[in-house]
């Protein structure tokens, strides 16, 4: 059984929409696409290579899948640590409209998505089942307690609006910090594992 991991880039205010380009995702009038680009550095690349080295299969939302499918098949260098994995390993895209994906080794996940994802975790025998980006899918997986680990790459920029990973109304959940590092450009990389429901209390005013 594979661990299901989520890796995502976020701003200081939690926005994960369109990090990689100005036209990547302008839905809902978002005008800050490409906010990650000024901070991308060698340290970030090293971390992402480590992440992809652990991959056994990928699970993607439709929007992220379309972005990846338009770019990574064009990267044909077999030594590229990310392209080599994305182009050859199994890819599962959650969609109700995609029927005939052109990207090699892609299958469509539909219907009861949480149940299908649970089965994918069981069937993935080597490496991690990795989610990258895919905000809507990630929120659904979190709500169903299906994510085993989150890699948050927090960029030192405030955007003021856009699609966020943690939306209002989610289940309060505690997390355990299992790894932390920073890149030269100021990206704070935090790795968390869910640790059950959040607990609450009050400080003793006598202390």
C-alpha atoms as a PDB file:
ATOM      1  CA  UNK A   1       0.000   0.000   0.000  1.00  0.00           C
ATOM      2  CA  UNK A   2       1.353   3.408  -0.997  1.00  0.00           C
ATOM      3  CA  UNK A   3       1.437   6.587   1.028  1.00  0.00           C
ATOM      4  CA  UNK A   4      -0.573   9.359  -0.601  1.00  0.00           C
ATOM      5  CA  UNK A   5       1.427  12.585  -0.478  1.00  0.00           C
ATOM      6  CA  UNK A   6       0.554  16.125  -1.491  1.00  0.00           C
ATOM      7  CA  UNK A   7       3.200  18.606  -2.623  1.00  0.00           C
ATOM      8  CA  UNK A   8       2.147  22.149  -3.317  1.00  0.00           C
ATOM      9  CA  UNK A   9       3.493  25.681  -3.618  1.00  0.00           C
ATOM     10  CA  UNK A  10       1.712  28.317  -1.519  1.00  0.00           C
ATOM     11  CA  UNK A  11       2.071  32.019  -0.811  1.00  0.00           C
ATOM     12  CA  UNK A  12       2.266  33.439   2.711  1.00  0.00           C
ATOM     13  CA  UNK A  13      -1.514  33.860   2.658  1.00  0.00           C
ATOM     14  CA  UNK A  14      -2.053  30.284   1.530  1.00  0.00           C
ATOM     15  CA  UNK A  15      -2.768  30.856  -2.170  1.00  0.00           C
ATOM     16  CA  UNK A  16      -1.765  27.979  -4.458  1.00  0.00           C
ATOM     17  CA  UNK A  17      -3.337  29.181  -7.711  1.00  0.00           C
ATOM     18  CA  UNK A  18      -1.167  29.573 -10.828  1.00  0.00           C
ATOM     19  CA  UNK A  19       2.336  29.597  -9.346  1.00  0.00           C
ATOM     20  CA  UNK A  20       4.144  28.826 -12.571  1.00  0.00           C
ATOM     21  CA  UNK A  21       2.988  31.350 -15.169  1.00  0.00           C
ATOM     22  CA  UNK A  22       0.904  34.448 -15.852  1.00  0.00           C
ATOM     23  CA  UNK A  23      -1.628  32.544 -17.979  1.00  0.00           C
ATOM     24  CA  UNK A  24      -1.538  29.264 -16.049  1.00  0.00           C
ATOM     25  CA  UNK A  25      -4.904  29.773 -14.329  1.00  0.00           C
ATOM     26  CA  UNK A  26      -6.756  33.088 -14.539  1.00  0.00           C
ATOM     27  CA  UNK A  27     -10.086  31.707 -13.298  1.00  0.00           C
ATOM     28  CA  UNK A  28     -12.145  33.980 -11.031  1.00  0.00           C
ATOM     29  CA  UNK A  29     -10.153  36.941 -12.305  1.00  0.00           C
ATOM     30  CA  UNK A  30      -6.842  35.882 -10.759  1.00  0.00           C
ATOM     31  CA  UNK A  31      -4.112  38.260 -11.991  1.00  0.00           C
ATOM     32  CA  UNK A  32      -1.069  37.153  -9.985  1.00  0.00           C
ATOM     33  CA  UNK A  33      -0.036  34.072 -11.954  1.00  0.00           C
ATOM     34  CA  UNK A  34       3.674  33.291 -11.974  1.00  0.00           C
ATOM     35  CA  UNK A  35       4.302  34.371  -8.382  1.00  0.00           C
ATOM     36  CA  UNK A  36       6.631  31.428  -7.766  1.00  0.00           C
ATOM     37  CA  UNK A  37       9.044  32.237 -10.591  1.00  0.00           C
ATOM     38  CA  UNK A  38      11.150  34.926  -8.823  1.00  0.00           C
ATOM     39  CA  UNK A  39      11.876  32.514  -5.947  1.00  0.00           C
ATOM     40  CA  UNK A  40      12.647  29.309  -7.854  1.00  0.00           C
ATOM     41  CA  UNK A  41      16.241  28.345  -7.079  1.00  0.00           C
ATOM     42  CA  UNK A  42      18.596  25.376  -6.941  1.00  0.00           C
ATOM     43  CA  UNK A  43      17.582  24.454  -3.398  1.00  0.00           C
ATOM     44  CA  UNK A  44      13.947  24.200  -4.424  1.00  0.00           C
ATOM     45  CA  UNK A  45      14.932  22.095  -7.412  1.00  0.00           C
ATOM     46  CA  UNK A  46      16.898  19.756  -5.166  1.00  0.00           C
ATOM     47  CA  UNK A  47      13.898  19.247  -2.896  1.00  0.00           C
ATOM     48  CA  UNK A  48      11.527  18.620  -5.798  1.00  0.00           C
ATOM     49  CA  UNK A  49      13.930  16.062  -7.259  1.00  0.00           C
ATOM     50  CA  UNK A  50      13.904  14.266  -3.892  1.00  0.00           C
ATOM     51  CA  UNK A  51      10.103  14.244  -3.954  1.00  0.00           C
ATOM     52  CA  UNK A  52       9.853  12.866  -7.481  1.00  0.00           C
ATOM     53  CA  UNK A  53      12.492  10.237  -6.713  1.00  0.00           C
ATOM     54  CA  UNK A  54       9.999   8.728  -4.250  1.00  0.00           C
ATOM     55  CA  UNK A  55       7.103   8.619  -6.726  1.00  0.00           C
ATOM     56  CA  UNK A  56       5.413   5.423  -7.816  1.00  0.00           C
ATOM     57  CA  UNK A  57       2.328   6.953  -9.452  1.00  0.00           C
ATOM     58  CA  UNK A  58       0.579  10.311  -9.743  1.00  0.00           C
ATOM     59  CA  UNK A  59      -2.943  11.459  -8.924  1.00  0.00           C
ATOM     60  CA  UNK A  60      -3.915  14.811 -10.411  1.00  0.00           C
ATOM     61  CA  UNK A  61      -6.912  17.090 -10.711  1.00  0.00           C
ATOM     62  CA  UNK A  62      -8.044  17.895 -14.245  1.00  0.00           C
ATOM     63  CA  UNK A  63      -6.659  21.439 -14.365  1.00  0.00           C
ATOM     64  CA  UNK A  64      -3.219  20.422 -13.077  1.00  0.00           C
ATOM     65  CA  UNK A  65      -3.211  17.417 -15.391  1.00  0.00           C
ATOM     66  CA  UNK A  66      -3.872  19.629 -18.419  1.00  0.00           C
ATOM     67  CA  UNK A  67      -1.046  21.991 -17.392  1.00  0.00           C
ATOM     68  CA  UNK A  68       1.384  19.098 -16.914  1.00  0.00           C
ATOM     69  CA  UNK A  69       0.287  17.316 -20.109  1.00  0.00           C
ATOM     70  CA  UNK A  70       0.924  20.441 -22.179  1.00  0.00           C
ATOM     71  CA  UNK A  71       4.510  20.748 -20.923  1.00  0.00           C
ATOM     72  CA  UNK A  72       6.195  17.615 -19.612  1.00  0.00           C
ATOM     73  CA  UNK A  73       5.800  15.327 -22.662  1.00  0.00           C
ATOM     74  CA  UNK A  74       7.882  17.907 -24.542  1.00  0.00           C
ATOM     75  CA  UNK A  75      10.774  17.403 -22.096  1.00  0.00           C
ATOM     76  CA  UNK A  76      12.392  14.341 -23.629  1.00  0.00           C
ATOM     77  CA  UNK A  77      15.738  14.278 -21.793  1.00  0.00           C
ATOM     78  CA  UNK A  78      15.797  10.853 -20.077  1.00  0.00           C
ATOM     79  CA  UNK A  79      18.083  12.317 -17.405  1.00  0.00           C
ATOM     80  CA  UNK A  80      15.546  14.945 -16.349  1.00  0.00           C
ATOM     81  CA  UNK A  81      14.500  13.676 -12.890  1.00  0.00           C
ATOM     82  CA  UNK A  82      10.971  15.055 -13.075  1.00  0.00           C
ATOM     83  CA  UNK A  83      10.088  14.486 -16.735  1.00  0.00           C
ATOM     84  CA  UNK A  84      11.434  10.948 -16.657  1.00  0.00           C
ATOM     85  CA  UNK A  85       9.016  10.059 -13.863  1.00  0.00           C
ATOM     86  CA  UNK A  86       5.979  11.955 -15.105  1.00  0.00           C
ATOM     87  CA  UNK A  87       6.278  10.640 -18.634  1.00  0.00           C
ATOM     88  CA  UNK A  88       6.682   6.964 -17.707  1.00  0.00           C
ATOM     89  CA  UNK A  89       4.923   6.259 -14.393  1.00  0.00           C
ATOM     90  CA  UNK A  90       1.149   5.706 -14.081  1.00  0.00           C
ATOM     91  CA  UNK A  91      -0.918   8.878 -13.967  1.00  0.00           C
ATOM     92  CA  UNK A  92      -4.499   9.035 -12.678  1.00  0.00           C
ATOM     93  CA  UNK A  93      -6.569  12.126 -13.451  1.00  0.00           C
ATOM     94  CA  UNK A  94      -9.824  12.908 -11.663  1.00  0.00           C
ATOM     95  CA  UNK A  95     -12.354  14.079 -14.238  1.00  0.00           C
ATOM     96  CA  UNK A  96     -15.997  13.695 -15.215  1.00  0.00           C
ATOM     97  CA  UNK A  97     -15.444  14.843 -18.806  1.00  0.00           C
ATOM     98  CA  UNK A  98     -12.074  13.474 -19.958  1.00  0.00           C
ATOM     99  CA  UNK A  99     -12.543  10.183 -21.799  1.00  0.00           C
ATOM    100  CA  UNK A 100      -9.473   9.606 -23.962  1.00  0.00           C
ATOM    101  CA  UNK A 101      -6.317  11.083 -22.400  1.00  0.00           C
ATOM    102  CA  UNK A 102      -3.436  11.360 -24.855  1.00  0.00           C
ATOM    103  CA  UNK A 103      -0.602  11.386 -22.304  1.00  0.00           C
ATOM    104  CA  UNK A 104       0.911   7.931 -22.051  1.00  0.00           C
ATOM    105  CA  UNK A 105       0.008   5.764 -19.006  1.00  0.00           C
ATOM    106  CA  UNK A 106      -2.958   7.915 -17.996  1.00  0.00           C
ATOM    107  CA  UNK A 107      -6.222   6.556 -16.591  1.00  0.00           C
ATOM    108  CA  UNK A 108      -9.309   8.542 -15.650  1.00  0.00           C
ATOM    109  CA  UNK A 109     -10.760   8.418 -12.126  1.00  0.00           C
ATOM    110  CA  UNK A 110     -14.476   9.209 -11.842  1.00  0.00           C
ATOM    111  CA  UNK A 111     -17.525   8.133  -9.884  1.00  0.00           C
ATOM    112  CA  UNK A 112     -16.907   7.673  -6.160  1.00  0.00           C
ATOM    113  CA  UNK A 113     -13.535   9.411  -6.124  1.00  0.00           C
ATOM    114  CA  UNK A 114     -12.634   8.837  -2.430  1.00  0.00           C
ATOM    115  CA  UNK A 115     -13.321   5.117  -2.781  1.00  0.00           C
ATOM    116  CA  UNK A 116     -11.369   4.946  -6.039  1.00  0.00           C
ATOM    117  CA  UNK A 117      -8.429   6.778  -4.484  1.00  0.00           C
ATOM    118  CA  UNK A 118      -8.434   4.393  -1.515  1.00  0.00           C
ATOM    119  CA  UNK A 119      -8.205   1.522  -3.995  1.00  0.00           C
ATOM    120  CA  UNK A 120      -5.383   3.261  -5.867  1.00  0.00           C
ATOM    121  CA  UNK A 121      -3.424   3.497  -2.623  1.00  0.00           C
ATOM    122  CA  UNK A 122      -3.894  -0.234  -2.137  1.00  0.00           C
ATOM    123  CA  UNK A 123      -2.816  -1.068  -5.697  1.00  0.00           C
ATOM    124  CA  UNK A 124       0.269   1.174  -5.807  1.00  0.00           C
ATOM    125  CA  UNK A 125       2.940  -1.227  -4.576  1.00  0.00           C
ATOM    126  CA  UNK A 126       6.121   0.830  -4.982  1.00  0.00           C
ATOM    127  CA  UNK A 127       6.808   4.461  -4.190  1.00  0.00           C
ATOM    128  CA  UNK A 128       4.357   7.178  -3.242  1.00  0.00           C
ATOM    129  CA  UNK A 129       1.056   7.996  -4.857  1.00  0.00           C
ATOM    130  CA  UNK A 130       1.713  11.699  -5.354  1.00  0.00           C
ATOM    131  CA  UNK A 131      -0.628  14.648  -5.745  1.00  0.00           C
ATOM    132  CA  UNK A 132       0.906  17.877  -7.045  1.00  0.00           C
ATOM    133  CA  UNK A 133      -1.093  21.095  -6.906  1.00  0.00           C
ATOM    134  CA  UNK A 134      -4.698  20.122  -7.725  1.00  0.00           C
ATOM    135  CA  UNK A 135      -6.417  22.366  -5.171  1.00  0.00           C
ATOM    136  CA  UNK A 136      -9.979  21.054  -5.485  1.00  0.00           C
ATOM    137  CA  UNK A 137      -8.851  17.430  -5.408  1.00  0.00           C
ATOM    138  CA  UNK A 138      -6.503  18.079  -2.476  1.00  0.00           C
ATOM    139  CA  UNK A 139      -9.274  19.619  -0.383  1.00  0.00           C
ATOM    140  CA  UNK A 140     -11.512  16.625  -1.067  1.00  0.00           C
ATOM    141  CA  UNK A 141      -8.776  14.162  -0.144  1.00  0.00           C
ATOM    142  CA  UNK A 142      -8.075  16.054   3.087  1.00  0.00           C
ATOM    143  CA  UNK A 143     -11.764  15.992   3.979  1.00  0.00           C
ATOM    144  CA  UNK A 144     -11.777  12.205   3.593  1.00  0.00           C
ATOM    145  CA  UNK A 145      -8.534  11.682   5.568  1.00  0.00           C
ATOM    146  CA  UNK A 146      -6.805  10.163   2.547  1.00  0.00           C
ATOM    147  CA  UNK A 147      -3.612  12.254   2.541  1.00  0.00           C
ATOM    148  CA  UNK A 148      -0.736  10.785   4.542  1.00  0.00           C
ATOM    149  CA  UNK A 149       1.801  13.607   4.160  1.00  0.00           C
ATOM    150  CA  UNK A 150       1.885  17.205   2.936  1.00  0.00           C
ATOM    151  CA  UNK A 151       4.899  19.063   1.572  1.00  0.00           C
ATOM    152  CA  UNK A 152       4.182  22.798   1.745  1.00  0.00           C
ATOM    153  CA  UNK A 153       6.620  25.083  -0.067  1.00  0.00           C
ATOM    154  CA  UNK A 154       5.743  28.471   1.434  1.00  0.00           C
ATOM    155  CA  UNK A 155       6.951  31.374  -0.698  1.00  0.00           C
ATOM    156  CA  UNK A 156       7.711  34.798   0.812  1.00  0.00           C
ATOM    157  CA  UNK A 157       5.006  36.683  -1.062  1.00  0.00           C
ATOM    158  CA  UNK A 158       1.518  37.903  -0.133  1.00  0.00           C
ATOM    159  CA  UNK A 159      -1.086  37.818  -2.924  1.00  0.00           C
ATOM    160  CA  UNK A 160      -4.312  38.958  -1.294  1.00  0.00           C
ATOM    161  CA  UNK A 161      -6.609  36.593  -3.169  1.00  0.00           C
ATOM    162  CA  UNK A 162      -6.798  33.377  -5.149  1.00  0.00           C
ATOM    163  CA  UNK A 163      -7.538  29.692  -4.647  1.00  0.00           C
ATOM    164  CA  UNK A 164      -6.285  28.370  -1.325  1.00  0.00           C
ATOM    165  CA  UNK A 165      -5.450  24.875  -0.155  1.00  0.00           C
ATOM    166  CA  UNK A 166      -7.283  25.146   3.166  1.00  0.00           C
ATOM    167  CA  UNK A 167     -10.730  26.510   2.483  1.00  0.00           C
ATOM    168  CA  UNK A 168     -13.227  27.634   5.125  1.00  0.00           C
ATOM    169  CA  UNK A 169     -15.398  24.885   6.528  1.00  0.00           C
ATOM    170  CA  UNK A 170     -12.846  22.079   6.624  1.00  0.00           C
ATOM    171  CA  UNK A 171     -12.481  19.583   9.449  1.00  0.00           C
ATOM    172  CA  UNK A 172     -10.135  20.954  12.163  1.00  0.00           C
ATOM    173  CA  UNK A 173      -7.077  18.701  12.003  1.00  0.00           C
ATOM    174  CA  UNK A 174      -3.761  18.586  13.844  1.00  0.00           C
ATOM    175  CA  UNK A 175      -0.502  17.916  12.020  1.00  0.00           C
ATOM    176  CA  UNK A 176       2.928  16.694  13.055  1.00  0.00           C
ATOM    177  CA  UNK A 177       5.953  18.494  11.605  1.00  0.00           C
ATOM    178  CA  UNK A 178       8.330  15.866  10.220  1.00  0.00           C
ATOM    179  CA  UNK A 179      10.733  17.995   8.201  1.00  0.00           C
ATOM    180  CA  UNK A 180      11.746  21.615   7.653  1.00  0.00           C
ATOM    181  CA  UNK A 181      14.292  23.479   5.571  1.00  0.00           C
ATOM    182  CA  UNK A 182      14.638  26.806   3.776  1.00  0.00           C
ATOM    183  CA  UNK A 183      15.983  27.686   0.358  1.00  0.00           C
ATOM    184  CA  UNK A 184      18.376  30.502  -0.433  1.00  0.00           C
ATOM    185  CA  UNK A 185      15.548  32.551  -1.933  1.00  0.00           C
ATOM    186  CA  UNK A 186      13.470  32.308   1.233  1.00  0.00           C
ATOM    187  CA  UNK A 187      11.077  29.450   0.473  1.00  0.00           C
ATOM    188  CA  UNK A 188      10.199  27.640   3.713  1.00  0.00           C
ATOM    189  CA  UNK A 189       9.635  23.930   3.073  1.00  0.00           C
ATOM    190  CA  UNK A 190       7.557  22.179   5.715  1.00  0.00           C
ATOM    191  CA  UNK A 191       6.549  18.519   5.717  1.00  0.00           C
ATOM    192  CA  UNK A 192       3.555  17.529   7.825  1.00  0.00           C
ATOM    193  CA  UNK A 193       1.678  14.337   8.649  1.00  0.00           C
ATOM    194  CA  UNK A 194      -1.921  14.361   9.908  1.00  0.00           C
ATOM    195  CA  UNK A 195      -2.105  13.697  13.635  1.00  0.00           C
ATOM    196  CA  UNK A 196      -5.826  13.340  14.285  1.00  0.00           C
ATOM    197  CA  UNK A 197      -8.454  15.924  15.044  1.00  0.00           C
ATOM    198  CA  UNK A 198      -7.370  19.303  16.394  1.00  0.00           C
ATOM    199  CA  UNK A 199      -7.622  19.751  20.144  1.00  0.00           C
ATOM    200  CA  UNK A 200      -8.480  22.941  21.981  1.00  0.00           C
ATOM    201  CA  UNK A 201      -7.977  24.356  25.461  1.00  0.00           C
ATOM    202  CA  UNK A 202      -7.378  27.438  27.584  1.00  0.00           C
ATOM    203  CA  UNK A 203      -4.285  28.789  29.288  1.00  0.00           C
ATOM    204  CA  UNK A 204      -4.399  28.853  33.075  1.00  0.00           C
ATOM    205  CA  UNK A 205      -4.528  32.592  33.985  1.00  0.00           C
ATOM    206  CA  UNK A 206      -2.688  31.788  37.227  1.00  0.00           C
ATOM    207  CA  UNK A 207       0.457  30.702  35.382  1.00  0.00           C
END
